[in-house]
Amino acid sequence: MSNLTEDDIGKPIYTAEEHRIGTLRGMDGPTLYISLADDIDPELHSDMNISEITGVKDRGEYLAGAARASVAGVTDEEIHFWPTYAAEAEHESVTYEEIPEQESHDDPSEL
């Protein structure tokens, strides 16, 4: 577990690949509250183990939630998540080029 303290609130949070996830806005026990970056990659967002909505607001914005265990390390300037909590690579077990497209059936009697 990281050495995260109240002094770390306001620091940017990054993936293991150095892409910004957002900013730490608060903590409550095992939960981190994060203001997600506006320009976050949608593919990254879908692979993050982060709740999109919590009941906590900051500056009128609902914050996302993440487990405190997602933090790999903290520096004087930033926070880094473990790759398992914010993966930017496509899932290795799937070859996306090989997924067949579904056929479209305009005539329901063909189903």
PDB file of N, CA and C in Angstrom:
ATOM      1  N   MET A   1       0.842  -1.180   0.000  1.00  0.00           N
ATOM      2  CA  MET A   1       0.000   0.000   0.000  1.00  0.00           C
ATOM      3  C   MET A   1       0.889   1.247   0.000  1.00  0.00           C
ATOM      4  N   SER A   2       0.401   2.287  -0.571  1.00  0.00           N
ATOM      5  CA  SER A   2       1.176   3.515  -0.708  1.00  0.00           C
ATOM      6  C   SER A   2       1.200   4.304   0.594  1.00  0.00           C
ATOM      7  N   ASN A   3       2.033   5.297   0.632  1.00  0.00           N
ATOM      8  CA  ASN A   3       2.107   6.205   1.771  1.00  0.00           C
ATOM      9  C   ASN A   3       1.329   7.474   1.479  1.00  0.00           C
ATOM     10  N   LEU A   4       0.140   7.343   0.977  1.00  0.00           N
ATOM     11  CA  LEU A   4      -0.708   8.473   0.623  1.00  0.00           C
ATOM     12  C   LEU A   4      -1.181   9.179   1.892  1.00  0.00           C
ATOM     13  N   THR A   5      -1.100  10.517   1.888  1.00  0.00           N
ATOM     14  CA  THR A   5      -1.562  11.299   3.032  1.00  0.00           C
ATOM     15  C   THR A   5      -2.460  12.429   2.528  1.00  0.00           C
ATOM     16  N   GLU A   6      -3.058  13.148   3.462  1.00  0.00           N
ATOM     17  CA  GLU A   6      -3.897  14.295   3.111  1.00  0.00           C
ATOM     18  C   GLU A   6      -3.101  15.339   2.322  1.00  0.00           C
ATOM     19  N   ASP A   7      -1.785  15.392   2.529  1.00  0.00           N
ATOM     20  CA  ASP A   7      -0.939  16.342   1.796  1.00  0.00           C
ATOM     21  C   ASP A   7      -0.902  16.052   0.300  1.00  0.00           C
ATOM     22  N   ASP A   8      -1.318  14.839  -0.113  1.00  0.00           N
ATOM     23  CA  ASP A   8      -1.282  14.459  -1.525  1.00  0.00           C
ATOM     24  C   ASP A   8      -2.533  14.902  -2.283  1.00  0.00           C
ATOM     25  N   ILE A   9      -3.536  15.385  -1.567  1.00  0.00           N
ATOM     26  CA  ILE A   9      -4.744  15.870  -2.239  1.00  0.00           C
ATOM     27  C   ILE A   9      -4.371  17.056  -3.128  1.00  0.00           C
ATOM     28  N   GLY A  10      -4.850  16.994  -4.366  1.00  0.00           N
ATOM     29  CA  GLY A  10      -4.526  18.021  -5.355  1.00  0.00           C
ATOM     30  C   GLY A  10      -3.460  17.584  -6.351  1.00  0.00           C
ATOM     31  N   LYS A  11      -2.808  16.451  -6.077  1.00  0.00           N
ATOM     32  CA  LYS A  11      -1.775  15.962  -6.996  1.00  0.00           C
ATOM     33  C   LYS A  11      -2.412  15.242  -8.174  1.00  0.00           C
ATOM     34  N   PRO A  12      -1.783  15.334  -9.356  1.00  0.00           N
ATOM     35  CA  PRO A  12      -2.276  14.578 -10.505  1.00  0.00           C
ATOM     36  C   PRO A  12      -1.983  13.092 -10.339  1.00  0.00           C
ATOM     37  N   ILE A  13      -2.861  12.268 -10.928  1.00  0.00           N
ATOM     38  CA  ILE A  13      -2.715  10.813 -10.891  1.00  0.00           C
ATOM     39  C   ILE A  13      -2.415  10.330 -12.306  1.00  0.00           C
ATOM     40  N   TYR A  14      -1.440   9.433 -12.438  1.00  0.00           N
ATOM     41  CA  TYR A  14      -1.003   8.925 -13.729  1.00  0.00           C
ATOM     42  C   TYR A  14      -1.063   7.409 -13.785  1.00  0.00           C
ATOM     43  N   THR A  15      -1.192   6.889 -15.008  1.00  0.00           N
ATOM     44  CA  THR A  15      -1.081   5.450 -15.231  1.00  0.00           C
ATOM     45  C   THR A  15       0.394   5.072 -15.173  1.00  0.00           C
ATOM     46  N   ALA A  16       0.671   3.786 -15.232  1.00  0.00           N
ATOM     47  CA  ALA A  16       2.054   3.317 -15.261  1.00  0.00           C
ATOM     48  C   ALA A  16       2.768   3.810 -16.518  1.00  0.00           C
ATOM     49  N   GLU A  17       1.990   4.123 -17.578  1.00  0.00           N
ATOM     50  CA  GLU A  17       2.562   4.603 -18.831  1.00  0.00           C
ATOM     51  C   GLU A  17       2.645   6.128 -18.891  1.00  0.00           C
ATOM     52  N   GLU A  18       2.443   6.783 -17.742  1.00  0.00           N
ATOM     53  CA  GLU A  18       2.574   8.236 -17.615  1.00  0.00           C
ATOM     54  C   GLU A  18       1.476   9.045 -18.310  1.00  0.00           C
ATOM     55  N   HIS A  19       0.284   8.497 -18.458  1.00  0.00           N
ATOM     56  CA  HIS A  19      -0.841   9.259 -18.981  1.00  0.00           C
ATOM     57  C   HIS A  19      -1.708   9.702 -17.812  1.00  0.00           C
ATOM     58  N   ARG A  20      -2.122  10.939 -17.841  1.00  0.00           N
ATOM     59  CA  ARG A  20      -2.869  11.525 -16.725  1.00  0.00           C
ATOM     60  C   ARG A  20      -4.289  10.962 -16.654  1.00  0.00           C
ATOM     61  N   ILE A  21      -4.668  10.505 -15.457  1.00  0.00           N
ATOM     62  CA  ILE A  21      -6.008  10.004 -15.193  1.00  0.00           C
ATOM     63  C   ILE A  21      -6.886  11.137 -14.664  1.00  0.00           C
ATOM     64  N   GLY A  22      -6.347  11.902 -13.763  1.00  0.00           N
ATOM     65  CA  GLY A  22      -7.105  12.977 -13.140  1.00  0.00           C
ATOM     66  C   GLY A  22      -6.348  13.535 -11.953  1.00  0.00           C
ATOM     67  N   THR A  23      -7.110  14.076 -10.979  1.00  0.00           N
ATOM     68  CA  THR A  23      -6.522  14.719  -9.814  1.00  0.00           C
ATOM     69  C   THR A  23      -7.167  14.160  -8.542  1.00  0.00           C
ATOM     70  N   LEU A  24      -6.335  13.872  -7.558  1.00  0.00           N
ATOM     71  CA  LEU A  24      -6.853  13.399  -6.277  1.00  0.00           C
ATOM     72  C   LEU A  24      -7.546  14.562  -5.573  1.00  0.00           C
ATOM     73  N   ARG A  25      -8.814  14.355  -5.219  1.00  0.00           N
ATOM     74  CA  ARG A  25      -9.593  15.412  -4.562  1.00  0.00           C
ATOM     75  C   ARG A  25      -9.947  15.086  -3.112  1.00  0.00           C
ATOM     76  N   GLY A  26      -9.767  13.811  -2.714  1.00  0.00           N
ATOM     77  CA  GLY A  26     -10.065  13.455  -1.342  1.00  0.00           C
ATOM     78  C   GLY A  26      -9.853  11.984  -1.082  1.00  0.00           C
ATOM     79  N   MET A  27      -9.920  11.601   0.206  1.00  0.00           N
ATOM     80  CA  MET A  27      -9.750  10.212   0.612  1.00  0.00           C
ATOM     81  C   MET A  27     -10.677   9.947   1.782  1.00  0.00           C
ATOM     82  N   ASP A  28     -11.160   8.723   1.846  1.00  0.00           N
ATOM     83  CA  ASP A  28     -11.979   8.293   2.968  1.00  0.00           C
ATOM     84  C   ASP A  28     -11.711   6.814   3.175  1.00  0.00           C
ATOM     85  N   GLY A  29     -10.871   6.486   4.149  1.00  0.00           N
ATOM     86  CA  GLY A  29     -10.500   5.096   4.394  1.00  0.00           C
ATOM     87  C   GLY A  29      -9.844   4.497   3.163  1.00  0.00           C
ATOM     88  N   PRO A  30     -10.412   3.393   2.629  1.00  0.00           N
ATOM     89  CA  PRO A  30      -9.792   2.734   1.479  1.00  0.00           C
ATOM     90  C   PRO A  30     -10.159   3.359   0.126  1.00  0.00           C
ATOM     91  N   THR A  31     -10.957   4.433   0.121  1.00  0.00           N
ATOM     92  CA  THR A  31     -11.437   5.012  -1.138  1.00  0.00           C
ATOM     93  C   THR A  31     -10.761   6.341  -1.450  1.00  0.00           C
ATOM     94  N   LEU A  32     -10.332   6.465  -2.696  1.00  0.00           N
ATOM     95  CA  LEU A  32      -9.802   7.733  -3.214  1.00  0.00           C
ATOM     96  C   LEU A  32     -10.887   8.389  -4.042  1.00  0.00           C
ATOM     97  N   TYR A  33     -10.988   9.701  -3.980  1.00  0.00           N
ATOM     98  CA  TYR A  33     -11.945  10.451  -4.786  1.00  0.00           C
ATOM     99  C   TYR A  33     -11.163  11.260  -5.809  1.00  0.00           C
ATOM    100  N   ILE A  34     -11.521  11.055  -7.082  1.00  0.00           N
ATOM    101  CA  ILE A  34     -10.731  11.585  -8.193  1.00  0.00           C
ATOM    102  C   ILE A  34     -11.596  12.424  -9.120  1.00  0.00           C
ATOM    103  N   SER A  35     -11.076  13.575  -9.475  1.00  0.00           N
ATOM    104  CA  SER A  35     -11.665  14.378 -10.544  1.00  0.00           C
ATOM    105  C   SER A  35     -10.995  13.897 -11.828  1.00  0.00           C
ATOM    106  N   LEU A  36     -11.741  13.171 -12.675  1.00  0.00           N
ATOM    107  CA  LEU A  36     -11.154  12.608 -13.891  1.00  0.00           C
ATOM    108  C   LEU A  36     -10.798  13.703 -14.879  1.00  0.00           C
ATOM    109  N   ALA A  37      -9.702  13.516 -15.582  1.00  0.00           N
ATOM    110  CA  ALA A  37      -9.258  14.469 -16.599  1.00  0.00           C
ATOM    111  C   ALA A  37     -10.281  14.517 -17.735  1.00  0.00           C
ATOM    112  N   ASP A  38     -10.522  15.711 -18.265  1.00  0.00           N
ATOM    113  CA  ASP A  38     -11.479  15.873 -19.368  1.00  0.00           C
ATOM    114  C   ASP A  38     -11.027  15.158 -20.634  1.00  0.00           C
ATOM    115  N   ASP A  39      -9.711  15.065 -20.828  1.00  0.00           N
ATOM    116  CA  ASP A  39      -9.181  14.497 -22.067  1.00  0.00           C
ATOM    117  C   ASP A  39      -8.734  13.044 -21.911  1.00  0.00           C
ATOM    118  N   ILE A  40      -9.293  12.334 -20.929  1.00  0.00           N
ATOM    119  CA  ILE A  40      -8.899  10.942 -20.708  1.00  0.00           C
ATOM    120  C   ILE A  40      -9.310  10.079 -21.905  1.00  0.00           C
ATOM    121  N   ASP A  41      -8.441   9.171 -22.288  1.00  0.00           N
ATOM    122  CA  ASP A  41      -8.679   8.281 -23.419  1.00  0.00           C
ATOM    123  C   ASP A  41      -9.864   7.364 -23.097  1.00  0.00           C
ATOM    124  N   PRO A  42     -10.911   7.332 -23.951  1.00  0.00           N
ATOM    125  CA  PRO A  42     -12.076   6.478 -23.679  1.00  0.00           C
ATOM    126  C   PRO A  42     -11.719   4.997 -23.518  1.00  0.00           C
ATOM    127  N   GLU A  43     -10.725   4.520 -24.262  1.00  0.00           N
ATOM    128  CA  GLU A  43     -10.314   3.122 -24.119  1.00  0.00           C
ATOM    129  C   GLU A  43      -9.680   2.885 -22.759  1.00  0.00           C
ATOM    130  N   LEU A  44      -8.899   3.843 -22.294  1.00  0.00           N
ATOM    131  CA  LEU A  44      -8.307   3.730 -20.970  1.00  0.00           C
ATOM    132  C   LEU A  44      -9.407   3.765 -19.925  1.00  0.00           C
ATOM    133  N   HIS A  45     -10.350   4.671 -20.099  1.00  0.00           N
ATOM    134  CA  HIS A  45     -11.425   4.820 -19.126  1.00  0.00           C
ATOM    135  C   HIS A  45     -12.200   3.516 -18.977  1.00  0.00           C
ATOM    136  N   SER A  46     -12.421   2.805 -20.067  1.00  0.00           N
ATOM    137  CA  SER A  46     -13.177   1.554 -19.995  1.00  0.00           C
ATOM    138  C   SER A  46     -12.384   0.445 -19.314  1.00  0.00           C
ATOM    139  N   ASP A  47     -11.065   0.559 -19.260  1.00  0.00           N
ATOM    140  CA  ASP A  47     -10.231  -0.473 -18.649  1.00  0.00           C
ATOM    141  C   ASP A  47      -9.782  -0.123 -17.234  1.00  0.00           C
ATOM    142  N   MET A  48     -10.226   1.007 -16.703  1.00  0.00           N
ATOM    143  CA  MET A  48      -9.828   1.389 -15.355  1.00  0.00           C
ATOM    144  C   MET A  48     -10.758   0.759 -14.328  1.00  0.00           C
ATOM    145  N   ASN A  49     -10.188   0.344 -13.234  1.00  0.00           N
ATOM    146  CA  ASN A  49     -10.980  -0.170 -12.120  1.00  0.00           C
ATOM    147  C   ASN A  49     -11.369   1.007 -11.230  1.00  0.00           C
ATOM    148  N   ILE A  50     -12.135   1.916 -11.823  1.00  0.00           N
ATOM    149  CA  ILE A  50     -12.536   3.137 -11.139  1.00  0.00           C
ATOM    150  C   ILE A  50     -14.040   3.300 -11.322  1.00  0.00           C
ATOM    151  N   SER A  51     -14.709   3.573 -10.220  1.00  0.00           N
ATOM    152  CA  SER A  51     -16.138   3.844 -10.287  1.00  0.00           C
ATOM    153  C   SER A  51     -16.335   5.217 -10.911  1.00  0.00           C
ATOM    154  N   GLU A  52     -17.207   5.294 -11.898  1.00  0.00           N
ATOM    155  CA  GLU A  52     -17.392   6.574 -12.585  1.00  0.00           C
ATOM    156  C   GLU A  52     -18.096   7.610 -11.723  1.00  0.00           C
ATOM    157  N   ILE A  53     -18.951   7.158 -10.804  1.00  0.00           N
ATOM    158  CA  ILE A  53     -19.716   8.111 -10.017  1.00  0.00           C
ATOM    159  C   ILE A  53     -19.713   7.694  -8.559  1.00  0.00           C
ATOM    160  N   THR A  54     -19.455   8.646  -7.697  1.00  0.00           N
ATOM    161  CA  THR A  54     -19.629   8.454  -6.264  1.00  0.00           C
ATOM    162  C   THR A  54     -20.642   9.505  -5.813  1.00  0.00           C
ATOM    163  N   GLY A  55     -20.997   9.485  -4.584  1.00  0.00           N
ATOM    164  CA  GLY A  55     -21.911  10.502  -4.071  1.00  0.00           C
ATOM    165  C   GLY A  55     -21.186  11.754  -3.624  1.00  0.00           C
ATOM    166  N   VAL A  56     -19.873  11.801  -3.831  1.00  0.00           N
ATOM    167  CA  VAL A  56     -19.069  12.922  -3.362  1.00  0.00           C
ATOM    168  C   VAL A  56     -18.882  13.923  -4.492  1.00  0.00           C
ATOM    169  N   LYS A  57     -19.079  15.208  -4.164  1.00  0.00           N
ATOM    170  CA  LYS A  57     -18.904  16.273  -5.150  1.00  0.00           C
ATOM    171  C   LYS A  57     -17.758  17.188  -4.747  1.00  0.00           C
ATOM    172  N   ASP A  58     -17.091  17.742  -5.745  1.00  0.00           N
ATOM    173  CA  ASP A  58     -16.066  18.758  -5.542  1.00  0.00           C
ATOM    174  C   ASP A  58     -16.287  19.815  -6.610  1.00  0.00           C
ATOM    175  N   ARG A  59     -16.496  21.041  -6.198  1.00  0.00           N
ATOM    176  CA  ARG A  59     -16.740  22.148  -7.140  1.00  0.00           C
ATOM    177  C   ARG A  59     -17.905  21.837  -8.078  1.00  0.00           C
ATOM    178  N   GLY A  60     -18.953  21.196  -7.541  1.00  0.00           N
ATOM    179  CA  GLY A  60     -20.145  20.879  -8.317  1.00  0.00           C
ATOM    180  C   GLY A  60     -20.035  19.658  -9.207  1.00  0.00           C
ATOM    181  N   GLU A  61     -18.905  18.985  -9.182  1.00  0.00           N
ATOM    182  CA  GLU A  61     -18.664  17.822 -10.048  1.00  0.00           C
ATOM    183  C   GLU A  61     -18.628  16.549  -9.198  1.00  0.00           C
ATOM    184  N   TYR A  62     -19.362  15.508  -9.649  1.00  0.00           N
ATOM    185  CA  TYR A  62     -19.263  14.214  -8.973  1.00  0.00           C
ATOM    186  C   TYR A  62     -17.888  13.626  -9.217  1.00  0.00           C
ATOM    187  N   LEU A  63     -17.305  13.088  -8.188  1.00  0.00           N
ATOM    188  CA  LEU A  63     -15.970  12.513  -8.286  1.00  0.00           C
ATOM    189  C   LEU A  63     -16.043  11.012  -8.532  1.00  0.00           C
ATOM    190  N   ALA A  64     -15.023  10.495  -9.191  1.00  0.00           N
ATOM    191  CA  ALA A  64     -14.879   9.052  -9.396  1.00  0.00           C
ATOM    192  C   ALA A  64     -14.227   8.465  -8.157  1.00  0.00           C
ATOM    193  N   GLY A  65     -14.418   7.180  -7.974  1.00  0.00           N
ATOM    194  CA  GLY A  65     -13.809   6.507  -6.832  1.00  0.00           C
ATOM    195  C   GLY A  65     -12.832   5.440  -7.277  1.00  0.00           C
ATOM    196  N   ALA A  66     -11.783   5.259  -6.504  1.00  0.00           N
ATOM    197  CA  ALA A  66     -10.793   4.214  -6.778  1.00  0.00           C
ATOM    198  C   ALA A  66     -10.311   3.666  -5.440  1.00  0.00           C
ATOM    199  N   ALA A  67      -9.846   2.436  -5.485  1.00  0.00           N
ATOM    200  CA  ALA A  67      -9.306   1.818  -4.268  1.00  0.00           C
ATOM    201  C   ALA A  67      -7.948   2.412  -3.937  1.00  0.00           C
ATOM    202  N   ARG A  68      -7.718   2.631  -2.667  1.00  0.00           N
ATOM    203  CA  ARG A  68      -6.418   3.144  -2.220  1.00  0.00           C
ATOM    204  C   ARG A  68      -5.295   2.192  -2.656  1.00  0.00           C
ATOM    205  N   ALA A  69      -5.608   0.893  -2.770  1.00  0.00           N
ATOM    206  CA  ALA A  69      -4.626  -0.108  -3.184  1.00  0.00           C
ATOM    207  C   ALA A  69      -4.200   0.059  -4.640  1.00  0.00           C
ATOM    208  N   SER A  70      -4.893   0.909  -5.399  1.00  0.00           N
ATOM    209  CA  SER A  70      -4.534   1.133  -6.801  1.00  0.00           C
ATOM    210  C   SER A  70      -3.269   1.970  -6.952  1.00  0.00           C
ATOM    211  N   VAL A  71      -2.830   2.593  -5.874  1.00  0.00           N
ATOM    212  CA  VAL A  71      -1.666   3.474  -5.923  1.00  0.00           C
ATOM    213  C   VAL A  71      -0.381   2.663  -5.814  1.00  0.00           C
ATOM    214  N   ALA A  72       0.452   2.787  -6.846  1.00  0.00           N
ATOM    215  CA  ALA A  72       1.744   2.106  -6.852  1.00  0.00           C
ATOM    216  C   ALA A  72       2.804   2.928  -6.141  1.00  0.00           C
ATOM    217  N   GLY A  73       2.702   4.253  -6.256  1.00  0.00           N
ATOM    218  CA  GLY A  73       3.708   5.100  -5.644  1.00  0.00           C
ATOM    219  C   GLY A  73       3.304   6.558  -5.649  1.00  0.00           C
ATOM    220  N   VAL A  74       3.930   7.307  -4.763  1.00  0.00           N
ATOM    221  CA  VAL A  74       3.660   8.727  -4.624  1.00  0.00           C
ATOM    222  C   VAL A  74       4.994   9.461  -4.596  1.00  0.00           C
ATOM    223  N   THR A  75       5.087  10.521  -5.402  1.00  0.00           N
ATOM    224  CA  THR A  75       6.267  11.383  -5.361  1.00  0.00           C
ATOM    225  C   THR A  75       5.843  12.747  -4.817  1.00  0.00           C
ATOM    226  N   ASP A  76       6.771  13.665  -4.738  1.00  0.00           N
ATOM    227  CA  ASP A  76       6.450  15.023  -4.291  1.00  0.00           C
ATOM    228  C   ASP A  76       5.484  15.714  -5.239  1.00  0.00           C
ATOM    229  N   GLU A  77       5.445  15.279  -6.509  1.00  0.00           N
ATOM    230  CA  GLU A  77       4.661  15.972  -7.524  1.00  0.00           C
ATOM    231  C   GLU A  77       3.452  15.207  -8.049  1.00  0.00           C
ATOM    232  N   GLU A  78       3.449  13.850  -7.933  1.00  0.00           N
ATOM    233  CA  GLU A  78       2.384  13.079  -8.583  1.00  0.00           C
ATOM    234  C   GLU A  78       2.152  11.728  -7.930  1.00  0.00           C
ATOM    235  N   ILE A  79       1.035  11.114  -8.352  1.00  0.00           N
ATOM    236  CA  ILE A  79       0.621   9.802  -7.869  1.00  0.00           C
ATOM    237  C   ILE A  79       0.560   8.862  -9.066  1.00  0.00           C
ATOM    238  N   HIS A  80       1.024   7.630  -8.892  1.00  0.00           N
ATOM    239  CA  HIS A  80       1.016   6.645  -9.985  1.00  0.00           C
ATOM    240  C   HIS A  80       0.214   5.426  -9.578  1.00  0.00           C
ATOM    241  N   PHE A  81      -0.651   4.971 -10.500  1.00  0.00           N
ATOM    242  CA  PHE A  81      -1.440   3.766 -10.286  1.00  0.00           C
ATOM    243  C   PHE A  81      -0.688   2.552 -10.815  1.00  0.00           C
ATOM    244  N   TRP A  82      -1.008   1.389 -10.241  1.00  0.00           N
ATOM    245  CA  TRP A  82      -0.495   0.114 -10.752  1.00  0.00           C
ATOM    246  C   TRP A  82      -1.117  -0.133 -12.127  1.00  0.00           C
ATOM    247  N   PRO A  83      -0.431  -0.825 -13.026  1.00  0.00           N
ATOM    248  CA  PRO A  83      -1.006  -1.135 -14.348  1.00  0.00           C
ATOM    249  C   PRO A  83      -2.320  -1.909 -14.261  1.00  0.00           C
ATOM    250  N   THR A  84      -2.491  -2.744 -13.257  1.00  0.00           N
ATOM    251  CA  THR A  84      -3.722  -3.538 -13.156  1.00  0.00           C
ATOM    252  C   THR A  84      -4.951  -2.691 -12.837  1.00  0.00           C
ATOM    253  N   TYR A  85      -4.749  -1.461 -12.375  1.00  0.00           N
ATOM    254  CA  TYR A  85      -5.874  -0.587 -12.063  1.00  0.00           C
ATOM    255  C   TYR A  85      -6.181   0.391 -13.184  1.00  0.00           C
ATOM    256  N   ALA A  86      -5.241   0.621 -14.057  1.00  0.00           N
ATOM    257  CA  ALA A  86      -5.465   1.542 -15.172  1.00  0.00           C
ATOM    258  C   ALA A  86      -4.603   1.088 -16.338  1.00  0.00           C
ATOM    259  N   ALA A  87      -5.112   0.123 -17.099  1.00  0.00           N
ATOM    260  CA  ALA A  87      -4.368  -0.456 -18.218  1.00  0.00           C
ATOM    261  C   ALA A  87      -4.672   0.299 -19.492  1.00  0.00           C
ATOM    262  N   GLU A  88      -3.642   0.589 -20.257  1.00  0.00           N
ATOM    263  CA  GLU A  88      -3.843   1.299 -21.510  1.00  0.00           C
ATOM    264  C   GLU A  88      -3.707   0.395 -22.717  1.00  0.00           C
ATOM    265  N   ALA A  89      -3.236  -0.807 -22.526  1.00  0.00           N
ATOM    266  CA  ALA A  89      -3.086  -1.739 -23.640  1.00  0.00           C
ATOM    267  C   ALA A  89      -4.394  -2.489 -23.862  1.00  0.00           C
ATOM    268  N   GLU A  90      -4.631  -2.876 -25.103  1.00  0.00           N
ATOM    269  CA  GLU A  90      -5.783  -3.731 -25.381  1.00  0.00           C
ATOM    270  C   GLU A  90      -5.552  -5.057 -24.678  1.00  0.00           C
ATOM    271  N   HIS A  91      -6.626  -5.739 -24.376  1.00  0.00           N
ATOM    272  CA  HIS A  91      -6.499  -7.017 -23.696  1.00  0.00           C
ATOM    273  C   HIS A  91      -5.715  -7.985 -24.577  1.00  0.00           C
ATOM    274  N   GLU A  92      -4.646  -8.532 -24.025  1.00  0.00           N
ATOM    275  CA  GLU A  92      -3.758  -9.400 -24.799  1.00  0.00           C
ATOM    276  C   GLU A  92      -4.420 -10.708 -25.205  1.00  0.00           C
ATOM    277  N   SER A  93      -5.432 -11.137 -24.483  1.00  0.00           N
ATOM    278  CA  SER A  93      -6.054 -12.421 -24.783  1.00  0.00           C
ATOM    279  C   SER A  93      -6.972 -12.349 -26.002  1.00  0.00           C
ATOM    280  N   VAL A  94      -7.220 -11.151 -26.501  1.00  0.00           N
ATOM    281  CA  VAL A  94      -8.117 -10.982 -27.640  1.00  0.00           C
ATOM    282  C   VAL A  94      -7.361 -10.322 -28.776  1.00  0.00           C
ATOM    283  N   THR A  95      -7.485 -10.895 -29.964  1.00  0.00           N
ATOM    284  CA  THR A  95      -6.944 -10.262 -31.157  1.00  0.00           C
ATOM    285  C   THR A  95      -8.099  -9.533 -31.822  1.00  0.00           C
ATOM    286  N   TYR A  96      -8.101  -8.221 -31.706  1.00  0.00           N
ATOM    287  CA  TYR A  96      -9.246  -7.435 -32.132  1.00  0.00           C
ATOM    288  C   TYR A  96      -9.513  -7.536 -33.636  1.00  0.00           C
ATOM    289  N   GLU A  97      -8.477  -7.760 -34.435  1.00  0.00           N
ATOM    290  CA  GLU A  97      -8.675  -7.868 -35.873  1.00  0.00           C
ATOM    291  C   GLU A  97      -9.413  -9.154 -36.249  1.00  0.00           C
ATOM    292  N   GLU A  98      -9.384 -10.149 -35.366  1.00  0.00           N
ATOM    293  CA  GLU A  98      -9.975 -11.441 -35.680  1.00  0.00           C
ATOM    294  C   GLU A  98     -11.424 -11.590 -35.225  1.00  0.00           C
ATOM    295  N   ILE A  99     -11.958 -10.577 -34.565  1.00  0.00           N
ATOM    296  CA  ILE A  99     -13.342 -10.665 -34.105  1.00  0.00           C
ATOM    297  C   ILE A  99     -14.255 -10.443 -35.310  1.00  0.00           C
ATOM    298  N   PRO A 100     -15.094 -11.438 -35.632  1.00  0.00           N
ATOM    299  CA  PRO A 100     -15.959 -11.286 -36.808  1.00  0.00           C
ATOM    300  C   PRO A 100     -17.073 -10.271 -36.539  1.00  0.00           C
ATOM    301  N   GLU A 101     -17.440  -9.547 -37.580  1.00  0.00           N
ATOM    302  CA  GLU A 101     -18.561  -8.625 -37.460  1.00  0.00           C
ATOM    303  C   GLU A 101     -19.843  -9.415 -37.554  1.00  0.00           C
ATOM    304  N   GLN A 102     -20.872  -8.951 -36.848  1.00  0.00           N
ATOM    305  CA  GLN A 102     -22.161  -9.615 -36.938  1.00  0.00           C
ATOM    306  C   GLN A 102     -22.803  -9.258 -38.264  1.00  0.00           C
ATOM    307  N   GLU A 103     -23.469 -10.256 -38.839  1.00  0.00           N
ATOM    308  CA  GLU A 103     -24.168  -9.996 -40.083  1.00  0.00           C
ATOM    309  C   GLU A 103     -25.437  -9.218 -39.801  1.00  0.00           C
ATOM    310  N   SER A 104     -25.748  -8.327 -40.689  1.00  0.00           N
ATOM    311  CA  SER A 104     -26.969  -7.554 -40.550  1.00  0.00           C
ATOM    312  C   SER A 104     -28.087  -8.256 -41.283  1.00  0.00           C
ATOM    313  N   HIS A 105     -29.226  -8.383 -40.645  1.00  0.00           N
ATOM    314  CA  HIS A 105     -30.388  -9.015 -41.266  1.00  0.00           C
ATOM    315  C   HIS A 105     -31.500  -7.984 -41.418  1.00  0.00           C
ATOM    316  N   ASP A 106     -31.708  -7.556 -42.642  1.00  0.00           N
ATOM    317  CA  ASP A 106     -32.770  -6.594 -42.882  1.00  0.00           C
ATOM    318  C   ASP A 106     -34.134  -7.265 -42.865  1.00  0.00           C
ATOM    319  N   ASP A 107     -34.157  -8.545 -43.226  1.00  0.00           N
ATOM    320  CA  ASP A 107     -35.403  -9.282 -43.274  1.00  0.00           C
ATOM    321  C   ASP A 107     -35.496 -10.158 -42.031  1.00  0.00           C
ATOM    322  N   PRO A 108     -36.457  -9.854 -41.114  1.00  0.00           N
ATOM    323  CA  PRO A 108     -36.585 -10.637 -39.876  1.00  0.00           C
ATOM    324  C   PRO A 108     -36.850 -12.114 -40.130  1.00  0.00           C
ATOM    325  N   SER A 109     -37.386 -12.507 -41.296  1.00  0.00           N
ATOM    326  CA  SER A 109     -37.657 -13.918 -41.556  1.00  0.00           C
ATOM    327  C   SER A 109     -36.370 -14.709 -41.737  1.00  0.00           C
ATOM    328  N   GLU A 110     -35.218 -14.013 -41.937  1.00  0.00           N
ATOM    329  CA  GLU A 110     -33.949 -14.701 -42.094  1.00  0.00           C
ATOM    330  C   GLU A 110     -33.396 -15.152 -40.754  1.00  0.00           C
ATOM    331  N   LEU A 111     -33.943 -14.662 -39.657  1.00  0.00           N
ATOM    332  CA  LEU A 111     -33.427 -14.997 -38.324  1.00  0.00           C
ATOM    333  C   LEU A 111     -33.852 -16.347 -37.848  1.00  0.00           C
TER     334      LEU A 111
END
